[in-house]
Amino acid sequence: MDIDFTTPALLFSTVSLLLLAYTNRFLGIVNVIRKLHADHQAAPNQVYVEEIVNLRRRVYLIRDMQTLGVASLLLCTLCIAVLFAGWQGLGKVIFAVALVLMVGSLSLS
C-alpha cells in the first residue's frame, strides 16, 4: 500500500477536534475542583477531599490523552516531511506509530 501526503494530513482535523474536546473536558473538571475546594474551605468535609482526589485522577488521564494526541500530530507532521523526502517505507512506519498513539489517546478517553 502506498501512502501520499493526504493520508497523514487526514489526521490533522481529527486531532485538532479531539484536543479541543479534551481541553473543554479539562476546563470543566478544573472548574468543579475549584468550586469543591472553595466549598471545603467554607465548611470542611471529607467528601469534598475524596471527590477532589477522584477528579485529580481524571485530570491526569486527560493530560495523558492530550500528550498522546499531540505526539500523534507531531508524528503525522514528521510523516509528511519523510514522504516529501521520498522515504515511503519510513513514512509508513511513522504513520503507523502515529495511529497507535491516536488509538491510545482514544482508549484513555
PDB file of N, CA and C in Angstrom:
ATOM      1  N   MET A   1       0.844  -1.177   0.000  1.00  0.00           N
ATOM      2  CA  MET A   1       0.000   0.000   0.000  1.00  0.00           C
ATOM      3  C   MET A   1       0.887   1.237   0.000  1.00  0.00           C
ATOM      4  N   ASP A   2       0.611   2.142  -0.875  1.00  0.00           N
ATOM      5  CA  ASP A   2       1.329   3.407  -0.921  1.00  0.00           C
ATOM      6  C   ASP A   2       0.507   4.475  -0.217  1.00  0.00           C
ATOM      7  N   ILE A   3       1.205   5.333   0.497  1.00  0.00           N
ATOM      8  CA  ILE A   3       0.527   6.467   1.113  1.00  0.00           C
ATOM      9  C   ILE A   3       1.135   7.740   0.547  1.00  0.00           C
ATOM     10  N   ASP A   4       0.311   8.756   0.422  1.00  0.00           N
ATOM     11  CA  ASP A   4       0.808  10.047  -0.051  1.00  0.00           C
ATOM     12  C   ASP A   4       0.599  11.087   1.044  1.00  0.00           C
ATOM     13  N   PHE A   5       0.823  12.346   0.725  1.00  0.00           N
ATOM     14  CA  PHE A   5       0.753  13.417   1.727  1.00  0.00           C
ATOM     15  C   PHE A   5      -0.628  13.553   2.360  1.00  0.00           C
ATOM     16  N   THR A   6      -1.650  13.230   1.608  1.00  0.00           N
ATOM     17  CA  THR A   6      -3.010  13.440   2.130  1.00  0.00           C
ATOM     18  C   THR A   6      -3.391  12.425   3.202  1.00  0.00           C
ATOM     19  N   THR A   7      -2.758  11.256   3.198  1.00  0.00           N
ATOM     20  CA  THR A   7      -3.114  10.235   4.182  1.00  0.00           C
ATOM     21  C   THR A   7      -2.823  10.702   5.605  1.00  0.00           C
ATOM     22  N   PRO A   8      -1.595  11.108   5.951  1.00  0.00           N
ATOM     23  CA  PRO A   8      -1.375  11.608   7.320  1.00  0.00           C
ATOM     24  C   PRO A   8      -2.051  12.954   7.567  1.00  0.00           C
ATOM     25  N   ALA A   9      -2.266  13.721   6.513  1.00  0.00           N
ATOM     26  CA  ALA A   9      -2.911  15.027   6.671  1.00  0.00           C
ATOM     27  C   ALA A   9      -4.370  14.880   7.119  1.00  0.00           C
ATOM     28  N   LEU A  10      -4.970  13.726   6.861  1.00  0.00           N
ATOM     29  CA  LEU A  10      -6.350  13.498   7.294  1.00  0.00           C
ATOM     30  C   LEU A  10      -6.482  13.545   8.810  1.00  0.00           C
ATOM     31  N   LEU A  11      -5.426  13.180   9.517  1.00  0.00           N
ATOM     32  CA  LEU A  11      -5.496  13.175  10.979  1.00  0.00           C
ATOM     33  C   LEU A  11      -5.455  14.576  11.582  1.00  0.00           C
ATOM     34  N   PHE A  12      -5.001  15.581  10.831  1.00  0.00           N
ATOM     35  CA  PHE A  12      -4.874  16.917  11.387  1.00  0.00           C
ATOM     36  C   PHE A  12      -6.204  17.460  11.902  1.00  0.00           C
ATOM     37  N   SER A  13      -7.250  17.360  11.112  1.00  0.00           N
ATOM     38  CA  SER A  13      -8.538  17.884  11.561  1.00  0.00           C
ATOM     39  C   SER A  13      -9.089  17.054  12.714  1.00  0.00           C
ATOM     40  N   THR A  14      -8.882  15.749  12.661  1.00  0.00           N
ATOM     41  CA  THR A  14      -9.361  14.879  13.725  1.00  0.00           C
ATOM     42  C   THR A  14      -8.665  15.195  15.039  1.00  0.00           C
ATOM     43  N   VAL A  15      -7.353  15.309  14.993  1.00  0.00           N
ATOM     44  CA  VAL A  15      -6.586  15.573  16.209  1.00  0.00           C
ATOM     45  C   VAL A  15      -6.947  16.942  16.776  1.00  0.00           C
ATOM     46  N   SER A  16      -7.118  17.920  15.918  1.00  0.00           N
ATOM     47  CA  SER A  16      -7.485  19.258  16.388  1.00  0.00           C
ATOM     48  C   SER A  16      -8.812  19.246  17.138  1.00  0.00           C
ATOM     49  N   LEU A  17      -9.793  18.556  16.591  1.00  0.00           N
ATOM     50  CA  LEU A  17     -11.096  18.473  17.257  1.00  0.00           C
ATOM     51  C   LEU A  17     -11.017  17.682  18.562  1.00  0.00           C
ATOM     52  N   LEU A  18     -10.232  16.617  18.563  1.00  0.00           N
ATOM     53  CA  LEU A  18     -10.077  15.838  19.788  1.00  0.00           C
ATOM     54  C   LEU A  18      -9.392  16.651  20.881  1.00  0.00           C
ATOM     55  N   LEU A  19      -8.345  17.380  20.514  1.00  0.00           N
ATOM     56  CA  LEU A  19      -7.655  18.192  21.509  1.00  0.00           C
ATOM     57  C   LEU A  19      -8.564  19.286  22.056  1.00  0.00           C
ATOM     58  N   LEU A  20      -9.401  19.841  21.223  1.00  0.00           N
ATOM     59  CA  LEU A  20     -10.369  20.834  21.687  1.00  0.00           C
ATOM     60  C   LEU A  20     -11.356  20.202  22.675  1.00  0.00           C
ATOM     61  N   ALA A  21     -11.834  19.009  22.359  1.00  0.00           N
ATOM     62  CA  ALA A  21     -12.758  18.306  23.259  1.00  0.00           C
ATOM     63  C   ALA A  21     -12.068  17.962  24.579  1.00  0.00           C
ATOM     64  N   TYR A  22     -10.818  17.502  24.502  1.00  0.00           N
ATOM     65  CA  TYR A  22     -10.074  17.188  25.722  1.00  0.00           C
ATOM     66  C   TYR A  22      -9.869  18.435  26.576  1.00  0.00           C
ATOM     67  N   THR A  23      -9.552  19.547  25.937  1.00  0.00           N
ATOM     68  CA  THR A  23      -9.331  20.796  26.668  1.00  0.00           C
ATOM     69  C   THR A  23     -10.617  21.260  27.346  1.00  0.00           C
ATOM     70  N   ASN A  24     -11.732  21.164  26.646  1.00  0.00           N
ATOM     71  CA  ASN A  24     -13.019  21.542  27.251  1.00  0.00           C
ATOM     72  C   ASN A  24     -13.343  20.657  28.448  1.00  0.00           C
ATOM     73  N   ARG A  25     -13.062  19.375  28.324  1.00  0.00           N
ATOM     74  CA  ARG A  25     -13.294  18.450  29.432  1.00  0.00           C
ATOM     75  C   ARG A  25     -12.397  18.823  30.616  1.00  0.00           C
ATOM     76  N   PHE A  26     -11.138  19.131  30.319  1.00  0.00           N
ATOM     77  CA  PHE A  26     -10.183  19.535  31.356  1.00  0.00           C
ATOM     78  C   PHE A  26     -10.667  20.786  32.087  1.00  0.00           C
ATOM     79  N   LEU A  27     -11.074  21.790  31.327  1.00  0.00           N
ATOM     80  CA  LEU A  27     -11.529  23.043  31.936  1.00  0.00           C
ATOM     81  C   LEU A  27     -12.785  22.830  32.790  1.00  0.00           C
ATOM     82  N   GLY A  28     -13.678  21.977  32.340  1.00  0.00           N
ATOM     83  CA  GLY A  28     -14.876  21.678  33.121  1.00  0.00           C
ATOM     84  C   GLY A  28     -14.541  21.033  34.455  1.00  0.00           C
ATOM     85  N   ILE A  29     -13.631  20.078  34.434  1.00  0.00           N
ATOM     86  CA  ILE A  29     -13.245  19.399  35.672  1.00  0.00           C
ATOM     87  C   ILE A  29     -12.502  20.351  36.605  1.00  0.00           C
ATOM     88  N   VAL A  30     -11.648  21.185  36.045  1.00  0.00           N
ATOM     89  CA  VAL A  30     -10.907  22.140  36.872  1.00  0.00           C
ATOM     90  C   VAL A  30     -11.867  23.107  37.567  1.00  0.00           C
ATOM     91  N   ASN A  31     -12.895  23.554  36.866  1.00  0.00           N
ATOM     92  CA  ASN A  31     -13.886  24.435  37.500  1.00  0.00           C
ATOM     93  C   ASN A  31     -14.611  23.737  38.646  1.00  0.00           C
ATOM     94  N   VAL A  32     -14.929  22.464  38.473  1.00  0.00           N
ATOM     95  CA  VAL A  32     -15.578  21.701  39.546  1.00  0.00           C
ATOM     96  C   VAL A  32     -14.629  21.570  40.735  1.00  0.00           C
ATOM     97  N   ILE A  33     -13.352  21.301  40.465  1.00  0.00           N
ATOM     98  CA  ILE A  33     -12.371  21.184  41.548  1.00  0.00           C
ATOM     99  C   ILE A  33     -12.266  22.501  42.313  1.00  0.00           C
ATOM    100  N   ARG A  34     -12.225  23.604  41.599  1.00  0.00           N
ATOM    101  CA  ARG A  34     -12.139  24.911  42.265  1.00  0.00           C
ATOM    102  C   ARG A  34     -13.356  25.162  43.154  1.00  0.00           C
ATOM    103  N   LYS A  35     -14.525  24.809  42.653  1.00  0.00           N
ATOM    104  CA  LYS A  35     -15.747  25.006  43.449  1.00  0.00           C
ATOM    105  C   LYS A  35     -15.730  24.111  44.689  1.00  0.00           C
ATOM    106  N   LEU A  36     -15.342  22.853  44.520  1.00  0.00           N
ATOM    107  CA  LEU A  36     -15.276  21.945  45.660  1.00  0.00           C
ATOM    108  C   LEU A  36     -14.252  22.426  46.688  1.00  0.00           C
ATOM    109  N   HIS A  37     -13.129  22.947  46.205  1.00  0.00           N
ATOM    110  CA  HIS A  37     -12.105  23.462  47.119  1.00  0.00           C
ATOM    111  C   HIS A  37     -12.643  24.649  47.918  1.00  0.00           C
ATOM    112  N   ALA A  38     -13.348  25.545  47.244  1.00  0.00           N
ATOM    113  CA  ALA A  38     -13.930  26.698  47.940  1.00  0.00           C
ATOM    114  C   ALA A  38     -14.975  26.235  48.951  1.00  0.00           C
ATOM    115  N   ASP A  39     -15.801  25.267  48.556  1.00  0.00           N
ATOM    116  CA  ASP A  39     -16.806  24.732  49.477  1.00  0.00           C
ATOM    117  C   ASP A  39     -16.149  24.064  50.683  1.00  0.00           C
ATOM    118  N   HIS A  40     -15.047  23.359  50.424  1.00  0.00           N
ATOM    119  CA  HIS A  40     -14.343  22.673  51.511  1.00  0.00           C
ATOM    120  C   HIS A  40     -13.723  23.679  52.483  1.00  0.00           C
ATOM    121  N   GLN A  41     -13.218  24.778  51.959  1.00  0.00           N
ATOM    122  CA  GLN A  41     -12.637  25.784  52.853  1.00  0.00           C
ATOM    123  C   GLN A  41     -13.719  26.478  53.672  1.00  0.00           C
ATOM    124  N   ALA A  42     -14.907  26.631  53.096  1.00  0.00           N
ATOM    125  CA  ALA A  42     -16.014  27.258  53.829  1.00  0.00           C
ATOM    126  C   ALA A  42     -16.562  26.323  54.901  1.00  0.00           C
ATOM    127  N   ALA A  43     -16.696  25.040  54.554  1.00  0.00           N
ATOM    128  CA  ALA A  43     -17.221  24.045  55.502  1.00  0.00           C
ATOM    129  C   ALA A  43     -16.481  22.731  55.260  1.00  0.00           C
ATOM    130  N   PRO A  44     -15.379  22.482  55.977  1.00  0.00           N
ATOM    131  CA  PRO A  44     -14.575  21.274  55.740  1.00  0.00           C
ATOM    132  C   PRO A  44     -15.407  19.991  55.812  1.00  0.00           C
ATOM    133  N   ASN A  45     -15.187  19.156  54.813  1.00  0.00           N
ATOM    134  CA  ASN A  45     -15.910  17.894  54.724  1.00  0.00           C
ATOM    135  C   ASN A  45     -15.020  16.903  53.980  1.00  0.00           C
ATOM    136  N   GLN A  46     -14.896  15.690  54.510  1.00  0.00           N
ATOM    137  CA  GLN A  46     -14.040  14.668  53.893  1.00  0.00           C
ATOM    138  C   GLN A  46     -14.551  14.263  52.509  1.00  0.00           C
ATOM    139  N   VAL A  47     -15.831  14.370  52.270  1.00  0.00           N
ATOM    140  CA  VAL A  47     -16.395  14.034  50.960  1.00  0.00           C
ATOM    141  C   VAL A  47     -15.807  14.938  49.879  1.00  0.00           C
ATOM    142  N   TYR A  48     -15.619  16.211  50.202  1.00  0.00           N
ATOM    143  CA  TYR A  48     -15.011  17.137  49.240  1.00  0.00           C
ATOM    144  C   TYR A  48     -13.595  16.691  48.885  1.00  0.00           C
ATOM    145  N   VAL A  49     -12.848  16.302  49.879  1.00  0.00           N
ATOM    146  CA  VAL A  49     -11.460  15.872  49.659  1.00  0.00           C
ATOM    147  C   VAL A  49     -11.429  14.631  48.772  1.00  0.00           C
ATOM    148  N   GLU A  50     -12.271  13.663  49.054  1.00  0.00           N
ATOM    149  CA  GLU A  50     -12.312  12.437  48.250  1.00  0.00           C
ATOM    150  C   GLU A  50     -12.720  12.729  46.811  1.00  0.00           C
ATOM    151  N   GLU A  51     -13.662  13.628  46.640  1.00  0.00           N
ATOM    152  CA  GLU A  51     -14.102  13.990  45.290  1.00  0.00           C
ATOM    153  C   GLU A  51     -12.986  14.714  44.524  1.00  0.00           C
ATOM    154  N   ILE A  52     -12.267  15.587  45.208  1.00  0.00           N
ATOM    155  CA  ILE A  52     -11.157  16.295  44.562  1.00  0.00           C
ATOM    156  C   ILE A  52     -10.069  15.311  44.142  1.00  0.00           C
ATOM    157  N   VAL A  53      -9.776  14.335  44.991  1.00  0.00           N
ATOM    158  CA  VAL A  53      -8.772  13.317  44.639  1.00  0.00           C
ATOM    159  C   VAL A  53      -9.224  12.539  43.408  1.00  0.00           C
ATOM    160  N   ASN A  54     -10.488  12.167  43.348  1.00  0.00           N
ATOM    161  CA  ASN A  54     -11.027  11.460  42.195  1.00  0.00           C
ATOM    162  C   ASN A  54     -10.935  12.313  40.929  1.00  0.00           C
ATOM    163  N   LEU A  55     -11.312  13.573  41.043  1.00  0.00           N
ATOM    164  CA  LEU A  55     -11.256  14.463  39.878  1.00  0.00           C
ATOM    165  C   LEU A  55      -9.815  14.721  39.442  1.00  0.00           C
ATOM    166  N   ARG A  56      -8.893  14.738  40.400  1.00  0.00           N
ATOM    167  CA  ARG A  56      -7.481  14.922  40.045  1.00  0.00           C
ATOM    168  C   ARG A  56      -6.990  13.769  39.183  1.00  0.00           C
ATOM    169  N   ARG A  57      -7.423  12.542  39.512  1.00  0.00           N
ATOM    170  CA  ARG A  57      -7.065  11.391  38.668  1.00  0.00           C
ATOM    171  C   ARG A  57      -7.591  11.567  37.243  1.00  0.00           C
ATOM    172  N   ARG A  58      -8.801  12.098  37.131  1.00  0.00           N
ATOM    173  CA  ARG A  58      -9.368  12.346  35.804  1.00  0.00           C
ATOM    174  C   ARG A  58      -8.583  13.413  35.052  1.00  0.00           C
ATOM    175  N   VAL A  59      -8.108  14.429  35.762  1.00  0.00           N
ATOM    176  CA  VAL A  59      -7.287  15.467  35.124  1.00  0.00           C
ATOM    177  C   VAL A  59      -5.992  14.854  34.599  1.00  0.00           C
ATOM    178  N   TYR A  60      -5.394  13.937  35.367  1.00  0.00           N
ATOM    179  CA  TYR A  60      -4.169  13.277  34.899  1.00  0.00           C
ATOM    180  C   TYR A  60      -4.439  12.431  33.664  1.00  0.00           C
ATOM    181  N   LEU A  61      -5.586  11.766  33.619  1.00  0.00           N
ATOM    182  CA  LEU A  61      -5.937  10.996  32.424  1.00  0.00           C
ATOM    183  C   LEU A  61      -6.096  11.906  31.210  1.00  0.00           C
ATOM    184  N   ILE A  62      -6.730  13.048  31.411  1.00  0.00           N
ATOM    185  CA  ILE A  62      -6.904  13.988  30.299  1.00  0.00           C
ATOM    186  C   ILE A  62      -5.545  14.499  29.829  1.00  0.00           C
ATOM    187  N   ARG A  63      -4.656  14.760  30.773  1.00  0.00           N
ATOM    188  CA  ARG A  63      -3.301  15.197  30.409  1.00  0.00           C
ATOM    189  C   ARG A  63      -2.614  14.136  29.549  1.00  0.00           C
ATOM    190  N   ASP A  64      -2.755  12.864  29.929  1.00  0.00           N
ATOM    191  CA  ASP A  64      -2.158  11.781  29.160  1.00  0.00           C
ATOM    192  C   ASP A  64      -2.811  11.648  27.787  1.00  0.00           C
ATOM    193  N   MET A  65      -4.129  11.843  27.725  1.00  0.00           N
ATOM    194  CA  MET A  65      -4.828  11.801  26.435  1.00  0.00           C
ATOM    195  C   MET A  65      -4.308  12.905  25.519  1.00  0.00           C
ATOM    196  N   GLN A  66      -4.123  14.100  26.074  1.00  0.00           N
ATOM    197  CA  GLN A  66      -3.612  15.216  25.287  1.00  0.00           C
ATOM    198  C   GLN A  66      -2.182  14.953  24.829  1.00  0.00           C
ATOM    199  N   THR A  67      -1.367  14.392  25.698  1.00  0.00           N
ATOM    200  CA  THR A  67       0.021  14.096  25.340  1.00  0.00           C
ATOM    201  C   THR A  67       0.089  13.115  24.177  1.00  0.00           C
ATOM    202  N   LEU A  68      -0.693  12.048  24.244  1.00  0.00           N
ATOM    203  CA  LEU A  68      -0.702  11.084  23.150  1.00  0.00           C
ATOM    204  C   LEU A  68      -1.248  11.702  21.863  1.00  0.00           C
ATOM    205  N   GLY A  69      -2.253  12.545  21.976  1.00  0.00           N
ATOM    206  CA  GLY A  69      -2.804  13.210  20.786  1.00  0.00           C
ATOM    207  C   GLY A  69      -1.805  14.151  20.135  1.00  0.00           C
ATOM    208  N   VAL A  70      -1.095  14.921  20.947  1.00  0.00           N
ATOM    209  CA  VAL A  70      -0.091  15.835  20.401  1.00  0.00           C
ATOM    210  C   VAL A  70       1.059  15.048  19.780  1.00  0.00           C
ATOM    211  N   ALA A  71       1.486  13.965  20.429  1.00  0.00           N
ATOM    212  CA  ALA A  71       2.547  13.130  19.862  1.00  0.00           C
ATOM    213  C   ALA A  71       2.112  12.550  18.518  1.00  0.00           C
ATOM    214  N   SER A  72       0.855  12.164  18.412  1.00  0.00           N
ATOM    215  CA  SER A  72       0.328  11.656  17.152  1.00  0.00           C
ATOM    216  C   SER A  72       0.372  12.735  16.070  1.00  0.00           C
ATOM    217  N   LEU A  73      -0.008  13.941  16.445  1.00  0.00           N
ATOM    218  CA  LEU A  73       0.013  15.053  15.490  1.00  0.00           C
ATOM    219  C   LEU A  73       1.438  15.359  15.036  1.00  0.00           C
ATOM    220  N   LEU A  74       2.375  15.352  15.966  1.00  0.00           N
ATOM    221  CA  LEU A  74       3.774  15.600  15.604  1.00  0.00           C
ATOM    222  C   LEU A  74       4.307  14.519  14.674  1.00  0.00           C
ATOM    223  N   LEU A  75       3.956  13.275  14.944  1.00  0.00           N
ATOM    224  CA  LEU A  75       4.405  12.203  14.060  1.00  0.00           C
ATOM    225  C   LEU A  75       3.758  12.285  12.686  1.00  0.00           C
ATOM    226  N   CYS A  76       2.526  12.743  12.613  1.00  0.00           N
ATOM    227  CA  CYS A  76       1.898  12.942  11.299  1.00  0.00           C
ATOM    228  C   CYS A  76       2.650  14.006  10.509  1.00  0.00           C
ATOM    229  N   THR A  77       3.058  15.052  11.197  1.00  0.00           N
ATOM    230  CA  THR A  77       3.838  16.106  10.536  1.00  0.00           C
ATOM    231  C   THR A  77       5.174  15.557  10.062  1.00  0.00           C
ATOM    232  N   LEU A  78       5.829  14.786  10.919  1.00  0.00           N
ATOM    233  CA  LEU A  78       7.099  14.167  10.540  1.00  0.00           C
ATOM    234  C   LEU A  78       6.902  13.206   9.375  1.00  0.00           C
ATOM    235  N   CYS A  79       5.794  12.489   9.390  1.00  0.00           N
ATOM    236  CA  CYS A  79       5.486  11.553   8.306  1.00  0.00           C
ATOM    237  C   CYS A  79       5.374  12.291   6.964  1.00  0.00           C
ATOM    238  N   ILE A  80       4.717  13.433   6.973  1.00  0.00           N
ATOM    239  CA  ILE A  80       4.587  14.214   5.734  1.00  0.00           C
ATOM    240  C   ILE A  80       5.966  14.654   5.249  1.00  0.00           C
ATOM    241  N   ALA A  81       6.827  15.085   6.171  1.00  0.00           N
ATOM    242  CA  ALA A  81       8.184  15.504   5.789  1.00  0.00           C
ATOM    243  C   ALA A  81       8.969  14.333   5.214  1.00  0.00           C
ATOM    244  N   VAL A  82       8.843  13.164   5.826  1.00  0.00           N
ATOM    245  CA  VAL A  82       9.560  11.975   5.354  1.00  0.00           C
ATOM    246  C   VAL A  82       9.037  11.552   3.987  1.00  0.00           C
ATOM    247  N   LEU A  83       7.723  11.605   3.807  1.00  0.00           N
ATOM    248  CA  LEU A  83       7.158  11.277   2.493  1.00  0.00           C
ATOM    249  C   LEU A  83       7.616  12.277   1.438  1.00  0.00           C
ATOM    250  N   PHE A  84       7.710  13.546   1.840  1.00  0.00           N
ATOM    251  CA  PHE A  84       8.194  14.571   0.915  1.00  0.00           C
ATOM    252  C   PHE A  84       9.633  14.283   0.488  1.00  0.00           C
ATOM    253  N   ALA A  85      10.427  13.719   1.407  1.00  0.00           N
ATOM    254  CA  ALA A  85      11.812  13.365   1.091  1.00  0.00           C
ATOM    255  C   ALA A  85      11.903  12.103   0.237  1.00  0.00           C
ATOM    256  N   GLY A  86      10.774  11.401   0.077  1.00  0.00           N
ATOM    257  CA  GLY A  86      10.757  10.227  -0.788  1.00  0.00           C
ATOM    258  C   GLY A  86      10.983   8.913  -0.078  1.00  0.00           C
ATOM    259  N   TRP A  87      10.946   8.903   1.239  1.00  0.00           N
ATOM    260  CA  TRP A  87      11.170   7.677   2.002  1.00  0.00           C
ATOM    261  C   TRP A  87       9.830   7.044   2.370  1.00  0.00           C
ATOM    262  N   GLN A  88       9.284   6.322   1.426  1.00  0.00           N
ATOM    263  CA  GLN A  88       7.950   5.726   1.563  1.00  0.00           C
ATOM    264  C   GLN A  88       7.878   4.737   2.732  1.00  0.00           C
ATOM    265  N   GLY A  89       8.881   3.877   2.870  1.00  0.00           N
ATOM    266  CA  GLY A  89       8.872   2.862   3.924  1.00  0.00           C
ATOM    267  C   GLY A  89       8.896   3.471   5.313  1.00  0.00           C
ATOM    268  N   LEU A  90       9.788   4.435   5.522  1.00  0.00           N
ATOM    269  CA  LEU A  90       9.867   5.102   6.820  1.00  0.00           C
ATOM    270  C   LEU A  90       8.588   5.889   7.105  1.00  0.00           C
ATOM    271  N   GLY A  91       8.011   6.473   6.061  1.00  0.00           N
ATOM    272  CA  GLY A  91       6.757   7.204   6.217  1.00  0.00           C
ATOM    273  C   GLY A  91       5.633   6.304   6.706  1.00  0.00           C
ATOM    274  N   LYS A  92       5.581   5.081   6.179  1.00  0.00           N
ATOM    275  CA  LYS A  92       4.558   4.130   6.620  1.00  0.00           C
ATOM    276  C   LYS A  92       4.734   3.770   8.091  1.00  0.00           C
ATOM    277  N   VAL A  93       5.977   3.561   8.493  1.00  0.00           N
ATOM    278  CA  VAL A  93       6.246   3.193   9.890  1.00  0.00           C
ATOM    279  C   VAL A  93       5.848   4.338  10.822  1.00  0.00           C
ATOM    280  N   ILE A  94       6.247   5.552  10.472  1.00  0.00           N
ATOM    281  CA  ILE A  94       5.928   6.713  11.303  1.00  0.00           C
ATOM    282  C   ILE A  94       4.417   6.914  11.379  1.00  0.00           C
ATOM    283  N   PHE A  95       3.747   6.750  10.251  1.00  0.00           N
ATOM    284  CA  PHE A  95       2.290   6.907  10.249  1.00  0.00           C
ATOM    285  C   PHE A  95       1.619   5.831  11.100  1.00  0.00           C
ATOM    286  N   ALA A  96       2.135   4.611  11.049  1.00  0.00           N
ATOM    287  CA  ALA A  96       1.579   3.529  11.870  1.00  0.00           C
ATOM    288  C   ALA A  96       1.731   3.848  13.351  1.00  0.00           C
ATOM    289  N   VAL A  97       2.883   4.380  13.751  1.00  0.00           N
ATOM    290  CA  VAL A  97       3.095   4.757  15.153  1.00  0.00           C
ATOM    291  C   VAL A  97       2.149   5.894  15.537  1.00  0.00           C
ATOM    292  N   ALA A  98       1.947   6.850  14.629  1.00  0.00           N
ATOM    293  CA  ALA A  98       1.020   7.953  14.896  1.00  0.00           C
ATOM    294  C   ALA A  98      -0.394   7.425  15.116  1.00  0.00           C
ATOM    295  N   LEU A  99      -0.790   6.435  14.330  1.00  0.00           N
ATOM    296  CA  LEU A  99      -2.122   5.843  14.511  1.00  0.00           C
ATOM    297  C   LEU A  99      -2.227   5.103  15.844  1.00  0.00           C
ATOM    298  N   VAL A 100      -1.181   4.417  16.242  1.00  0.00           N
ATOM    299  CA  VAL A 100      -1.185   3.705  17.522  1.00  0.00           C
ATOM    300  C   VAL A 100      -1.318   4.718  18.668  1.00  0.00           C
ATOM    301  N   LEU A 101      -0.594   5.838  18.572  1.00  0.00           N
ATOM    302  CA  LEU A 101      -0.710   6.876  19.604  1.00  0.00           C
ATOM    303  C   LEU A 101      -2.126   7.449  19.653  1.00  0.00           C
ATOM    304  N   MET A 102      -2.735   7.624  18.496  1.00  0.00           N
ATOM    305  CA  MET A 102      -4.102   8.147  18.467  1.00  0.00           C
ATOM    306  C   MET A 102      -5.066   7.148  19.081  1.00  0.00           C
ATOM    307  N   VAL A 103      -4.872   5.874  18.796  1.00  0.00           N
ATOM    308  CA  VAL A 103      -5.720   4.841  19.404  1.00  0.00           C
ATOM    309  C   VAL A 103      -5.535   4.834  20.917  1.00  0.00           C
ATOM    310  N   GLY A 104      -4.289   5.031  21.371  1.00  0.00           N
ATOM    311  CA  GLY A 104      -4.047   5.126  22.813  1.00  0.00           C
ATOM    312  C   GLY A 104      -4.762   6.295  23.435  1.00  0.00           C
ATOM    313  N   SER A 105      -4.724   7.420  22.759  1.00  0.00           N
ATOM    314  CA  SER A 105      -5.417   8.613  23.251  1.00  0.00           C
ATOM    315  C   SER A 105      -6.925   8.376  23.338  1.00  0.00           C
ATOM    316  N   LEU A 106      -7.461   7.779  22.304  1.00  0.00           N
ATOM    317  CA  LEU A 106      -8.902   7.495  22.299  1.00  0.00           C
ATOM    318  C   LEU A 106      -9.272   6.431  23.331  1.00  0.00           C
ATOM    319  N   SER A 107      -8.385   5.485  23.558  1.00  0.00           N
ATOM    320  CA  SER A 107      -8.655   4.450  24.558  1.00  0.00           C
ATOM    321  C   SER A 107      -8.723   5.048  25.957  1.00  0.00           C
ATOM    322  N   LEU A 108      -7.818   5.985  26.250  1.00  0.00           N
ATOM    323  CA  LEU A 108      -7.865   6.647  27.545  1.00  0.00           C
ATOM    324  C   LEU A 108      -9.133   7.483  27.696  1.00  0.00           C
ATOM    325  N   SER A 109      -9.602   7.992  26.580  1.00  0.00           N
ATOM    326  CA  SER A 109     -10.803   8.825  26.612  1.00  0.00           C
ATOM    327  C   SER A 109     -11.991   8.011  27.047  1.00  0.00           C
TER     328      SER A 109
END
